Amino acid sequence: MTTPTLIPAVTATLPTRFGAVLLAWDDAGLISVHLTADQGLEPSVLPRGGAFSMSVASGRLLERATRWIRDWEEQRFRPAELPVHLELVPEFTRKVLQSAAAIPAGETRTYAQLAEDVGRPGGARAVGQVMARNPWPLFFPCHRVVAASGLGGYGPGVALKRALLLHEGAPVVRGEASVVPAKAPAPAKAPPARKPAATVKRPGRRT
């Protein structure tokens, strides 16, 4: 199966307190996201082909993505409900990314835990490869997925991974992350014990 290739209609650079977020998208959704710790980048929006304007749909997506990033910077964490071209990645990658997206801000999971979540026990290495190639970091928060013995790797740099986790309130100490387990559902309450049914005594026969 050949992976489809899309040409972005618009690219944008959004500086943040941690560096910058580089976005590429078309009218239908995000195509790619790159994070960088470089704090010297200027904000920019570049429609394809040197056009002076973008479509209404592309403009709305930029507004939504920008608002979400600014909320995240101000620690107003919420799911990134943006259209994304998930058809660009294989099914297993989609499952792993969607599982990562379910990790709340301030918590982490290990590669092994995510492998269990997507039905591939023992697939920690495969999950790590998906995280390393994540086309939409921050929106699918691969920085919240860590190794069993520490932070693990991160494309834009482990220092940035640590900074992102600290910003979200995750328990990170000396470059290591403490895994916060998923909350277990409350145990079901036992049904109340039933009282034994009363025995009806029939009167004896009179002789």
Protein backbone atom coordinates (compact mmCIF):
# COMPACT_ATOMS: atom_id res chain seq x y z
CA MET A 1 0.00 0.00 0.00
CA THR A 2 1.43 3.38 -1.05
CA THR A 3 1.30 6.17 1.51
CA PRO A 4 -0.48 9.19 0.01
CA THR A 5 1.42 12.46 -0.33
CA LEU A 6 -0.26 15.82 0.21
CA ILE A 7 1.01 19.26 -0.74
CA PRO A 8 0.36 21.83 2.01
CA ALA A 9 -1.78 24.80 1.02
CA VAL A 10 -0.35 26.88 3.86
CA THR A 11 2.63 26.71 6.22
CA ALA A 12 3.02 28.74 9.39
CA THR A 13 5.58 29.34 12.12
CA LEU A 14 4.15 30.07 15.58
CA PRO A 15 6.77 31.09 18.18
CA THR A 16 6.14 29.82 21.72
CA ARG A 17 7.88 30.15 25.06
CA PHE A 18 9.63 26.84 24.32
CA GLY A 19 10.70 27.60 20.76
CA ALA A 20 8.30 27.37 17.84
CA VAL A 21 5.61 25.20 16.28
CA LEU A 22 5.77 24.79 12.50
CA LEU A 23 2.47 23.82 10.89
CA ALA A 24 1.58 22.65 7.39
CA TRP A 25 -2.03 22.06 6.33
CA ASP A 26 -4.64 22.23 3.62
CA ASP A 27 -8.36 22.94 3.73
CA ALA A 28 -9.10 19.44 5.06
CA GLY A 29 -6.67 19.28 7.99
CA LEU A 30 -3.16 19.26 9.41
CA ILE A 31 -0.55 17.54 7.26
CA SER A 32 2.48 17.91 9.51
CA VAL A 33 3.71 19.59 12.68
CA HIS A 34 7.31 20.19 13.74
CA LEU A 35 8.58 21.40 17.10
CA THR A 36 11.84 23.23 17.57
CA ALA A 37 13.57 24.71 20.62
CA ASP A 38 14.88 27.56 18.43
CA GLN A 39 13.53 30.76 19.98
CA GLY A 40 14.85 32.99 17.21
CA LEU A 41 12.16 32.20 14.64
CA GLU A 42 9.77 34.93 13.55
CA PRO A 43 6.02 34.34 13.17
CA SER A 44 4.97 33.75 9.60
CA VAL A 45 2.11 32.44 7.45
CA LEU A 46 2.93 31.42 3.89
CA PRO A 47 0.19 30.37 1.47
CA ARG A 48 1.40 28.05 -1.28
CA GLY A 49 2.71 29.51 -4.51
CA GLY A 50 3.24 32.98 -3.12
CA ALA A 51 -0.48 33.71 -2.90
CA PHE A 52 -1.45 36.75 -0.86
CA SER A 53 -4.37 35.08 0.87
CA MET A 54 -5.62 31.67 1.96
CA SER A 55 -8.98 29.98 1.71
CA VAL A 56 -11.61 30.49 4.38
CA ALA A 57 -11.22 26.85 5.52
CA SER A 58 -7.44 27.19 5.87
CA GLY A 59 -7.85 30.44 7.76
CA ARG A 60 -10.25 28.86 10.22
CA LEU A 61 -7.91 25.93 10.82
CA LEU A 62 -5.04 28.34 11.52
CA GLU A 63 -7.21 30.22 14.01
CA ARG A 64 -8.20 27.01 15.81
CA ALA A 65 -4.64 25.67 15.92
CA THR A 66 -3.27 29.00 17.15
CA ARG A 67 -5.92 29.28 19.84
CA TRP A 68 -5.21 25.73 21.03
CA ILE A 69 -1.45 26.35 21.21
CA ARG A 70 -1.93 29.62 23.11
CA ASP A 71 -4.31 27.92 25.55
CA TRP A 72 -1.75 25.14 26.04
CA GLU A 73 0.94 27.76 26.77
CA GLU A 74 -1.31 29.27 29.44
CA GLN A 75 -1.87 25.78 30.93
CA ARG A 76 -5.48 25.65 29.79
CA PHE A 77 -5.17 22.06 28.66
CA ARG A 78 -7.86 20.48 26.52
CA PRO A 79 -8.02 17.87 23.74
CA ALA A 80 -6.78 19.09 20.37
CA GLU A 81 -9.97 18.63 18.37
CA LEU A 82 -8.55 19.59 14.99
CA PRO A 83 -8.91 17.86 11.64
CA VAL A 84 -5.81 15.81 10.87
CA HIS A 85 -4.86 13.78 7.80
CA LEU A 86 -4.63 10.46 9.64
CA GLU A 87 -4.89 8.62 6.34
CA LEU A 88 -1.22 9.51 5.84
CA VAL A 89 -0.13 6.95 8.44
CA PRO A 90 -0.71 3.16 8.81
CA GLU A 91 -3.49 1.77 10.98
CA PHE A 92 -1.15 0.73 13.82
CA THR A 93 0.31 4.23 13.92
CA ARG A 94 -3.18 5.71 14.10
CA LYS A 95 -4.07 3.48 17.05
CA VAL A 96 -0.90 4.41 18.93
CA LEU A 97 -1.34 8.13 18.29
CA GLN A 98 -4.97 8.04 19.40
CA SER A 99 -3.96 6.18 22.55
CA ALA A 100 -1.30 8.83 23.24
CA ALA A 101 -3.91 11.55 22.72
CA ALA A 102 -5.95 10.03 25.56
CA ILE A 103 -3.15 10.63 28.11
CA PRO A 104 -4.17 13.64 30.22
CA ALA A 105 -1.80 16.57 30.63
CA GLY A 106 0.28 16.08 33.78
CA GLU A 107 0.45 12.30 33.34
CA THR A 108 2.73 9.93 31.46
CA ARG A 109 2.60 6.37 30.17
CA THR A 110 5.38 4.03 29.15
CA TYR A 111 5.91 2.64 25.67
CA ALA A 112 4.99 -0.78 27.07
CA GLN A 113 1.72 0.53 28.51
CA LEU A 114 0.72 2.04 25.17
CA ALA A 115 1.57 -1.24 23.46
CA GLU A 116 -0.83 -3.00 25.83
CA ASP A 117 -3.50 -0.37 25.16
CA VAL A 118 -3.43 -0.98 21.41
CA GLY A 119 -3.45 -4.76 21.73
CA ARG A 120 0.21 -5.49 21.10
CA PRO A 121 1.76 -6.73 24.36
CA GLY A 122 5.53 -6.70 24.16
CA GLY A 123 5.44 -4.09 21.39
CA ALA A 124 7.19 -1.30 23.29
CA ARG A 125 9.85 -0.96 20.59
CA ALA A 126 7.23 -0.62 17.84
CA VAL A 127 5.43 2.05 19.88
CA GLY A 128 8.72 3.88 20.39
CA GLN A 129 9.24 3.95 16.62
CA VAL A 130 5.76 5.43 16.12
CA MET A 131 6.48 8.11 18.70
CA ALA A 132 9.81 8.94 17.03
CA ARG A 133 8.05 9.46 13.68
CA ASN A 134 4.96 11.22 14.99
CA PRO A 135 3.90 13.67 12.26
CA TRP A 136 1.85 15.81 14.68
CA PRO A 137 3.77 16.27 17.97
CA LEU A 138 2.08 18.28 20.73
CA PHE A 139 -1.34 17.71 19.12
CA PHE A 140 -0.73 13.96 19.56
CA PRO A 141 1.39 14.32 22.72
CA CYS A 142 4.22 11.82 22.23
CA HIS A 143 6.21 13.74 24.88
CA ARG A 144 3.89 12.12 27.47
CA VAL A 145 5.14 8.66 26.50
CA VAL A 146 8.33 7.71 28.33
CA ALA A 147 10.66 4.79 28.86
CA ALA A 148 10.28 2.53 31.88
CA SER A 149 13.64 3.77 33.21
CA GLY A 150 13.41 7.47 32.37
CA LEU A 151 12.29 10.03 29.82
CA GLY A 152 13.28 8.10 26.72
CA GLY A 153 14.04 9.82 23.43
CA TYR A 154 12.43 12.80 21.74
CA GLY A 155 13.07 14.12 18.23
CA PRO A 156 13.31 17.83 19.12
CA GLY A 157 15.54 16.97 22.10
CA VAL A 158 15.13 15.41 25.54
CA ALA A 159 15.56 18.82 27.21
CA LEU A 160 12.46 20.06 25.39
CA LYS A 161 10.55 16.90 26.33
CA ARG A 162 11.36 17.51 29.97
CA ALA A 163 10.33 21.18 29.70
CA LEU A 164 6.99 20.25 28.13
CA LEU A 165 6.25 17.68 30.84
CA LEU A 166 7.15 20.12 33.62
CA HIS A 167 4.93 22.76 32.03
CA GLU A 168 2.04 20.28 32.13
CA GLY A 169 2.73 19.38 35.76
CA ALA A 170 4.04 15.86 35.21
CA PRO A 171 6.27 14.49 38.01
CA VAL A 172 9.72 14.85 36.40
CA VAL A 173 12.84 14.71 38.58
CA ARG A 174 16.45 14.96 37.37
CA GLY A 175 15.60 14.16 33.80
CA GLU A 176 13.43 11.18 34.70
CA ALA A 177 9.68 10.86 34.62
CA SER A 178 7.55 9.11 37.20
CA VAL A 179 4.84 7.19 35.40
CA VAL A 180 1.38 8.14 36.56
CA PRO A 181 -0.80 5.07 36.10
CA ALA A 182 -4.18 5.36 34.49
CA LYS A 183 -6.93 5.78 37.01
CA ALA A 184 -8.60 2.49 37.75
CA PRO A 185 -12.38 2.49 37.65
CA ALA A 186 -14.05 2.55 41.03
CA PRO A 187 -14.90 -0.95 42.25
CA ALA A 188 -18.49 -1.90 41.69
CA LYS A 189 -20.63 -1.90 44.79
CA ALA A 190 -21.86 -5.30 45.88
CA PRO A 191 -25.62 -5.61 45.63
CA PRO A 192 -27.39 -5.57 48.98
CA ALA A 193 -27.85 -8.99 50.52
CA ARG A 194 -31.30 -10.34 50.05
CA LYS A 195 -33.26 -11.36 53.09
CA PRO A 196 -34.30 -15.00 53.06
CA ALA A 197 -37.86 -15.42 52.00
CA ALA A 198 -40.25 -15.92 54.91
CA THR A 199 -41.49 -19.48 55.36
CA VAL A 200 -45.26 -19.69 55.47
CA LYS A 201 -46.42 -22.27 57.99
CA ARG A 202 -49.55 -24.08 57.08
CA PRO A 203 -51.88 -24.97 59.94
CA GLY A 204 -51.86 -28.70 60.81
CA ARG A 205 -54.88 -30.90 60.14
CA ARG A 206 -57.37 -31.28 62.95
CA THR A 207 -58.29 -34.85 63.83
